């Protein structure tokens, strides 16, 4: 099982330099694949986020996974 935690909308927004509302709009529009937790929060799997970045020609930092884990306290 993959030990990488899914991204929050806040993490995705920070990476893309947009607001959380924009990320949620992209999810609702179907541009960014995500799932909803039982509490109603959206979570984005790293492979889905990378595919989104590539599809829209947003540069992908090669250390993306490591930097996200560092933000999360090292998971």
PDB file of N, CA and C in Angstrom:
ATOM      1  N   UNK A   1       0.841  -1.189   0.000  1.00  0.00           N
ATOM      2  CA  UNK A   1       0.000   0.000   0.000  1.00  0.00           C
ATOM      3  C   UNK A   1       0.886   1.251   0.000  1.00  0.00           C
ATOM      4  N   UNK A   2       0.474   2.256  -0.736  1.00  0.00           N
ATOM      5  CA  UNK A   2       1.232   3.499  -0.850  1.00  0.00           C
ATOM      6  C   UNK A   2       1.150   4.263   0.472  1.00  0.00           C
ATOM      7  N   UNK A   3       2.310   4.648   1.002  1.00  0.00           N
ATOM      8  CA  UNK A   3       2.336   5.352   2.281  1.00  0.00           C
ATOM      9  C   UNK A   3       2.171   6.855   2.142  1.00  0.00           C
ATOM     10  N   UNK A   4       2.150   7.370   0.901  1.00  0.00           N
ATOM     11  CA  UNK A   4       1.986   8.798   0.695  1.00  0.00           C
ATOM     12  C   UNK A   4       0.553   9.195   1.024  1.00  0.00           C
ATOM     13  N   UNK A   5       0.421  10.165   1.909  1.00  0.00           N
ATOM     14  CA  UNK A   5      -0.906  10.652   2.264  1.00  0.00           C
ATOM     15  C   UNK A   5      -1.487  11.442   1.097  1.00  0.00           C
ATOM     16  N   UNK A   6      -2.802  11.414   0.947  1.00  0.00           N
ATOM     17  CA  UNK A   6      -3.416  12.229  -0.108  1.00  0.00           C
ATOM     18  C   UNK A   6      -3.264  13.713   0.217  1.00  0.00           C
ATOM     19  N   UNK A   7      -3.350  14.531  -0.810  1.00  0.00           N
ATOM     20  CA  UNK A   7      -3.229  15.978  -0.637  1.00  0.00           C
ATOM     21  C   UNK A   7      -4.555  16.562  -0.186  1.00  0.00           C
ATOM     22  N   UNK A   8      -4.474  17.589   0.611  1.00  0.00           N
ATOM     23  CA  UNK A   8      -5.657  18.368   0.953  1.00  0.00           C
ATOM     24  C   UNK A   8      -5.845  19.434  -0.125  1.00  0.00           C
ATOM     25  N   UNK A   9      -7.001  20.048  -0.144  1.00  0.00           N
ATOM     26  CA  UNK A   9      -7.216  21.132  -1.099  1.00  0.00           C
ATOM     27  C   UNK A   9      -6.292  22.302  -0.791  1.00  0.00           C
ATOM     28  N   UNK A  10      -5.958  22.492   0.462  1.00  0.00           N
ATOM     29  CA  UNK A  10      -5.039  23.562   0.847  1.00  0.00           C
ATOM     30  C   UNK A  10      -3.635  23.334   0.296  1.00  0.00           C
ATOM     31  N   UNK A  11      -3.157  22.091   0.384  1.00  0.00           N
ATOM     32  CA  UNK A  11      -1.840  21.771  -0.152  1.00  0.00           C
ATOM     33  C   UNK A  11      -1.810  21.948  -1.670  1.00  0.00           C
ATOM     34  N   UNK A  12      -2.859  21.478  -2.343  1.00  0.00           N
ATOM     35  CA  UNK A  12      -2.930  21.615  -3.802  1.00  0.00           C
ATOM     36  C   UNK A  12      -2.999  23.092  -4.189  1.00  0.00           C
ATOM     37  N   UNK A  13      -3.769  23.862  -3.443  1.00  0.00           N
ATOM     38  CA  UNK A  13      -3.896  25.298  -3.728  1.00  0.00           C
ATOM     39  C   UNK A  13      -2.566  26.004  -3.560  1.00  0.00           C
ATOM     40  N   UNK A  14      -1.857  25.678  -2.500  1.00  0.00           N
ATOM     41  CA  UNK A  14      -0.558  26.308  -2.247  1.00  0.00           C
ATOM     42  C   UNK A  14       0.412  25.975  -3.380  1.00  0.00           C
ATOM     43  N   UNK A  15       0.426  24.725  -3.807  1.00  0.00           N
ATOM     44  CA  UNK A  15       1.341  24.306  -4.868  1.00  0.00           C
ATOM     45  C   UNK A  15       1.032  25.036  -6.181  1.00  0.00           C
ATOM     46  N   UNK A  16      -0.268  25.188  -6.498  1.00  0.00           N
ATOM     47  CA  UNK A  16      -0.676  25.813  -7.761  1.00  0.00           C
ATOM     48  C   UNK A  16      -0.771  27.334  -7.669  1.00  0.00           C
ATOM     49  N   UNK A  17      -0.566  27.891  -6.483  1.00  0.00           N
ATOM     50  CA  UNK A  17      -0.665  29.336  -6.256  1.00  0.00           C
ATOM     51  C   UNK A  17      -2.059  29.872  -6.600  1.00  0.00           C
ATOM     52  N   UNK A  18      -3.063  29.141  -6.123  1.00  0.00           N
ATOM     53  CA  UNK A  18      -4.458  29.558  -6.282  1.00  0.00           C
ATOM     54  C   UNK A  18      -5.154  29.387  -4.935  1.00  0.00           C
ATOM     55  N   UNK A  19      -6.417  29.787  -4.854  1.00  0.00           N
ATOM     56  CA  UNK A  19      -7.167  29.640  -3.602  1.00  0.00           C
ATOM     57  C   UNK A  19      -7.736  28.220  -3.485  1.00  0.00           C
ATOM     58  N   UNK A  20      -8.109  27.860  -2.258  1.00  0.00           N
ATOM     59  CA  UNK A  20      -8.766  26.572  -2.042  1.00  0.00           C
ATOM     60  C   UNK A  20     -10.080  26.511  -2.816  1.00  0.00           C
ATOM     61  N   UNK A  21     -10.769  27.631  -2.922  1.00  0.00           N
ATOM     62  CA  UNK A  21     -12.031  27.672  -3.663  1.00  0.00           C
ATOM     63  C   UNK A  21     -11.806  27.302  -5.129  1.00  0.00           C
ATOM     64  N   UNK A  22     -10.688  27.736  -5.686  1.00  0.00           N
ATOM     65  CA  UNK A  22     -10.370  27.387  -7.070  1.00  0.00           C
ATOM     66  C   UNK A  22     -10.154  25.890  -7.212  1.00  0.00           C
ATOM     67  N   UNK A  23      -9.430  25.296  -6.279  1.00  0.00           N
ATOM     68  CA  UNK A  23      -9.206  23.842  -6.312  1.00  0.00           C
ATOM     69  C   UNK A  23     -10.546  23.112  -6.233  1.00  0.00           C
ATOM     70  N   UNK A  24     -11.413  23.541  -5.325  1.00  0.00           N
ATOM     71  CA  UNK A  24     -12.723  22.907  -5.183  1.00  0.00           C
ATOM     72  C   UNK A  24     -13.533  23.068  -6.464  1.00  0.00           C
ATOM     73  N   UNK A  25     -13.447  24.235  -7.102  1.00  0.00           N
ATOM     74  CA  UNK A  25     -14.144  24.432  -8.377  1.00  0.00           C
ATOM     75  C   UNK A  25     -13.616  23.478  -9.442  1.00  0.00           C
ATOM     76  N   UNK A  26     -12.289  23.289  -9.490  1.00  0.00           N
ATOM     77  CA  UNK A  26     -11.711  22.352 -10.460  1.00  0.00           C
ATOM     78  C   UNK A  26     -12.188  20.928 -10.192  1.00  0.00           C
ATOM     79  N   UNK A  27     -12.317  20.570  -8.916  1.00  0.00           N
ATOM     80  CA  UNK A  27     -12.807  19.236  -8.549  1.00  0.00           C
ATOM     81  C   UNK A  27     -14.266  19.084  -8.992  1.00  0.00           C
ATOM     82  N   UNK A  28     -15.096  20.065  -8.664  1.00  0.00           N
ATOM     83  CA  UNK A  28     -16.521  19.996  -9.026  1.00  0.00           C
ATOM     84  C   UNK A  28     -16.726  19.974 -10.532  1.00  0.00           C
ATOM     85  N   UNK A  29     -15.853  20.681 -11.262  1.00  0.00           N
ATOM     86  CA  UNK A  29     -15.928  20.733 -12.720  1.00  0.00           C
ATOM     87  C   UNK A  29     -15.456  19.420 -13.347  1.00  0.00           C
ATOM     88  N   UNK A  30     -14.723  18.625 -12.579  1.00  0.00           N
ATOM     89  CA  UNK A  30     -14.200  17.360 -13.084  1.00  0.00           C
ATOM     90  C   UNK A  30     -12.804  17.461 -13.671  1.00  0.00           C
ATOM     91  N   UNK A  31     -12.189  18.615 -13.572  1.00  0.00           N
ATOM     92  CA  UNK A  31     -10.836  18.794 -14.101  1.00  0.00           C
ATOM     93  C   UNK A  31      -9.788  18.124 -13.222  1.00  0.00           C
ATOM     94  N   UNK A  32     -10.033  18.103 -11.923  1.00  0.00           N
ATOM     95  CA  UNK A  32      -9.100  17.526 -10.959  1.00  0.00           C
ATOM     96  C   UNK A  32      -9.822  16.400 -10.220  1.00  0.00           C
ATOM     97  N   UNK A  33      -9.281  15.202 -10.341  1.00  0.00           N
ATOM     98  CA  UNK A  33      -9.890  14.031  -9.715  1.00  0.00           C
ATOM     99  C   UNK A  33      -9.619  14.052  -8.209  1.00  0.00           C
ATOM    100  N   UNK A  34     -10.659  13.807  -7.433  1.00  0.00           N
ATOM    101  CA  UNK A  34     -10.528  13.774  -5.970  1.00  0.00           C
ATOM    102  C   UNK A  34     -11.636  12.897  -5.398  1.00  0.00           C
ATOM    103  N   UNK A  35     -11.496  12.551  -4.145  1.00  0.00           N
ATOM    104  CA  UNK A  35     -12.575  11.846  -3.450  1.00  0.00           C
ATOM    105  C   UNK A  35     -12.985  12.675  -2.244  1.00  0.00           C
ATOM    106  N   UNK A  36     -14.146  12.356  -1.713  1.00  0.00           N
ATOM    107  CA  UNK A  36     -14.679  13.095  -0.569  1.00  0.00           C
ATOM    108  C   UNK A  36     -14.669  12.193   0.657  1.00  0.00           C
ATOM    109  N   UNK A  37     -14.166  12.705   1.757  1.00  0.00           N
ATOM    110  CA  UNK A  37     -14.137  11.959   3.012  1.00  0.00           C
ATOM    111  C   UNK A  37     -15.552  11.929   3.599  1.00  0.00           C
ATOM    112  N   UNK A  38     -15.801  11.049   4.562  1.00  0.00           N
ATOM    113  CA  UNK A  38     -17.111  11.036   5.209  1.00  0.00           C
ATOM    114  C   UNK A  38     -17.463  12.381   5.855  1.00  0.00           C
ATOM    115  N   UNK A  39     -16.455  13.163   6.213  1.00  0.00           N
ATOM    116  CA  UNK A  39     -16.680  14.477   6.807  1.00  0.00           C
ATOM    117  C   UNK A  39     -16.916  15.578   5.784  1.00  0.00           C
ATOM    118  N   UNK A  40     -16.883  15.234   4.496  1.00  0.00           N
ATOM    119  CA  UNK A  40     -17.174  16.202   3.451  1.00  0.00           C
ATOM    120  C   UNK A  40     -15.966  16.949   2.902  1.00  0.00           C
ATOM    121  N   UNK A  41     -14.757  16.510   3.280  1.00  0.00           N
ATOM    122  CA  UNK A  41     -13.538  17.156   2.782  1.00  0.00           C
ATOM    123  C   UNK A  41     -13.046  16.433   1.534  1.00  0.00           C
ATOM    124  N   UNK A  42     -12.431  17.178   0.630  1.00  0.00           N
ATOM    125  CA  UNK A  42     -11.877  16.583  -0.580  1.00  0.00           C
ATOM    126  C   UNK A  42     -10.429  16.196  -0.342  1.00  0.00           C
ATOM    127  N   UNK A  43     -10.028  15.074  -0.914  1.00  0.00           N
ATOM    128  CA  UNK A  43      -8.643  14.614  -0.864  1.00  0.00           C
ATOM    129  C   UNK A  43      -8.224  14.225  -2.273  1.00  0.00           C
ATOM    130  N   UNK A  44      -6.968  14.507  -2.601  1.00  0.00           N
ATOM    131  CA  UNK A  44      -6.449  14.290  -3.944  1.00  0.00           C
ATOM    132  C   UNK A  44      -5.268  13.335  -3.852  1.00  0.00           C
ATOM    133  N   UNK A  45      -5.334  12.235  -4.582  1.00  0.00           N
ATOM    134  CA  UNK A  45      -4.222  11.293  -4.607  1.00  0.00           C
ATOM    135  C   UNK A  45      -3.084  11.884  -5.437  1.00  0.00           C
ATOM    136  N   UNK A  46      -1.859  11.650  -5.009  1.00  0.00           N
ATOM    137  CA  UNK A  46      -0.702  12.235  -5.672  1.00  0.00           C
ATOM    138  C   UNK A  46      -0.646  11.916  -7.168  1.00  0.00           C
ATOM    139  N   UNK A  47      -0.870  10.661  -7.596  1.00  0.00           N
ATOM    140  CA  UNK A  47      -0.832  10.391  -9.041  1.00  0.00           C
ATOM    141  C   UNK A  47      -1.893  11.191  -9.823  1.00  0.00           C
ATOM    142  N   UNK A  48      -3.057  11.400  -9.219  1.00  0.00           N
ATOM    143  CA  UNK A  48      -4.102  12.200  -9.867  1.00  0.00           C
ATOM    144  C   UNK A  48      -3.694  13.669  -9.955  1.00  0.00           C
ATOM    145  N   UNK A  49      -3.028  14.163  -8.909  1.00  0.00           N
ATOM    146  CA  UNK A  49      -2.576  15.549  -8.905  1.00  0.00           C
ATOM    147  C   UNK A  49      -1.491  15.762  -9.961  1.00  0.00           C
ATOM    148  N   UNK A  50      -0.544  14.831 -10.039  1.00  0.00           N
ATOM    149  CA  UNK A  50       0.526  14.936 -11.033  1.00  0.00           C
ATOM    150  C   UNK A  50      -0.056  14.872 -12.445  1.00  0.00           C
ATOM    151  N   UNK A  51      -1.025  13.989 -12.678  1.00  0.00           N
ATOM    152  CA  UNK A  51      -1.667  13.897 -13.994  1.00  0.00           C
ATOM    153  C   UNK A  51      -2.351  15.216 -14.350  1.00  0.00           C
ATOM    154  N   UNK A  52      -3.005  15.847 -13.365  1.00  0.00           N
ATOM    155  CA  UNK A  52      -3.645  17.144 -13.573  1.00  0.00           C
ATOM    156  C   UNK A  52      -2.610  18.197 -13.949  1.00  0.00           C
ATOM    157  N   UNK A  53      -1.513  18.239 -13.196  1.00  0.00           N
ATOM    158  CA  UNK A  53      -0.460  19.216 -13.470  1.00  0.00           C
ATOM    159  C   UNK A  53       0.084  19.040 -14.889  1.00  0.00           C
ATOM    160  N   UNK A  54       0.330  17.797 -15.268  1.00  0.00           N
ATOM    161  CA  UNK A  54       0.870  17.533 -16.602  1.00  0.00           C
ATOM    162  C   UNK A  54      -0.135  17.898 -17.695  1.00  0.00           C
ATOM    163  N   UNK A  55      -1.413  17.562 -17.473  1.00  0.00           N
ATOM    164  CA  UNK A  55      -2.446  17.857 -18.469  1.00  0.00           C
ATOM    165  C   UNK A  55      -2.554  19.357 -18.746  1.00  0.00           C
ATOM    166  N   UNK A  56      -2.399  20.162 -17.714  1.00  0.00           N
ATOM    167  CA  UNK A  56      -2.536  21.610 -17.865  1.00  0.00           C
ATOM    168  C   UNK A  56      -1.191  22.332 -17.928  1.00  0.00           C
ATOM    169  N   UNK A  57      -0.136  21.578 -18.216  1.00  0.00           N
ATOM    170  CA  UNK A  57       1.217  22.126 -18.405  1.00  0.00           C
ATOM    171  C   UNK A  57       1.700  22.961 -17.224  1.00  0.00           C
ATOM    172  N   UNK A  58       1.348  22.529 -16.022  1.00  0.00           N
ATOM    173  CA  UNK A  58       1.848  23.165 -14.804  1.00  0.00           C
ATOM    174  C   UNK A  58       3.123  22.412 -14.422  1.00  0.00           C
ATOM    175  N   UNK A  59       4.225  23.115 -14.218  1.00  0.00           N
ATOM    176  CA  UNK A  59       5.482  22.423 -13.910  1.00  0.00           C
ATOM    177  C   UNK A  59       5.359  21.517 -12.681  1.00  0.00           C
ATOM    178  N   UNK A  60       5.921  20.322 -12.809  1.00  0.00           N
ATOM    179  CA  UNK A  60       5.898  19.351 -11.714  1.00  0.00           C
ATOM    180  C   UNK A  60       7.276  19.333 -11.064  1.00  0.00           C
ATOM    181  N   UNK A  61       7.326  19.717  -9.808  1.00  0.00           N
ATOM    182  CA  UNK A  61       8.571  19.687  -9.045  1.00  0.00           C
ATOM    183  C   UNK A  61       8.955  18.221  -8.819  1.00  0.00           C
ATOM    184  N   UNK A  62      10.174  17.816  -9.222  1.00  0.00           N
ATOM    185  CA  UNK A  62      10.576  16.414  -9.040  1.00  0.00           C
ATOM    186  C   UNK A  62      10.578  15.980  -7.572  1.00  0.00           C
ATOM    187  N   UNK A  63      10.636  16.928  -6.661  1.00  0.00           N
ATOM    188  CA  UNK A  63      10.642  16.590  -5.227  1.00  0.00           C
ATOM    189  C   UNK A  63       9.264  16.821  -4.600  1.00  0.00           C
ATOM    190  N   UNK A  64       8.225  16.825  -5.421  1.00  0.00           N
ATOM    191  CA  UNK A  64       6.869  17.103  -4.930  1.00  0.00           C
ATOM    192  C   UNK A  64       6.475  16.193  -3.777  1.00  0.00           C
ATOM    193  N   UNK A  65       6.665  14.892  -3.939  1.00  0.00           N
ATOM    194  CA  UNK A  65       6.257  13.951  -2.892  1.00  0.00           C
ATOM    195  C   UNK A  65       6.996  14.202  -1.586  1.00  0.00           C
ATOM    196  N   UNK A  66       8.310  14.430  -1.665  1.00  0.00           N
ATOM    197  CA  UNK A  66       9.094  14.670  -0.454  1.00  0.00           C
ATOM    198  C   UNK A  66       8.686  15.967   0.235  1.00  0.00           C
ATOM    199  N   UNK A  67       8.430  17.002  -0.566  1.00  0.00           N
ATOM    200  CA  UNK A  67       8.062  18.288   0.026  1.00  0.00           C
ATOM    201  C   UNK A  67       6.693  18.207   0.703  1.00  0.00           C
ATOM    202  N   UNK A  68       5.779  17.431   0.140  1.00  0.00           N
ATOM    203  CA  UNK A  68       4.465  17.266   0.771  1.00  0.00           C
ATOM    204  C   UNK A  68       4.584  16.502   2.073  1.00  0.00           C
ATOM    205  N   UNK A  69       5.438  15.482   2.109  1.00  0.00           N
ATOM    206  CA  UNK A  69       5.641  14.723   3.332  1.00  0.00           C
ATOM    207  C   UNK A  69       6.288  15.596   4.408  1.00  0.00           C
ATOM    208  N   UNK A  70       7.172  16.487   4.001  1.00  0.00           N
ATOM    209  CA  UNK A  70       7.816  17.382   4.959  1.00  0.00           C
ATOM    210  C   UNK A  70       6.794  18.349   5.562  1.00  0.00           C
ATOM    211  N   UNK A  71       5.852  18.830   4.738  1.00  0.00           N
ATOM    212  CA  UNK A  71       4.788  19.711   5.237  1.00  0.00           C
ATOM    213  C   UNK A  71       3.935  19.006   6.266  1.00  0.00           C
ATOM    214  N   UNK A  72       3.792  17.689   6.080  1.00  0.00           N
ATOM    215  CA  UNK A  72       2.925  16.889   6.938  1.00  0.00           C
ATOM    216  C   UNK A  72       3.669  16.324   8.147  1.00  0.00           C
ATOM    217  N   UNK A  73       4.899  16.742   8.320  1.00  0.00           N
ATOM    218  CA  UNK A  73       5.653  16.268   9.471  1.00  0.00           C
ATOM    219  C   UNK A  73       6.403  14.979   9.219  1.00  0.00           C
ATOM    220  N   UNK A  74       6.588  14.608   7.936  1.00  0.00           N
ATOM    221  CA  UNK A  74       7.374  13.440   7.622  1.00  0.00           C
ATOM    222  C   UNK A  74       6.610  12.146   7.516  1.00  0.00           C
ATOM    223  N   UNK A  75       5.287  12.206   7.641  1.00  0.00           N
ATOM    224  CA  UNK A  75       4.397  11.032   7.543  1.00  0.00           C
ATOM    225  C   UNK A  75       5.086   9.808   8.015  1.00  0.00           C
TER     226      UNK A  75
END
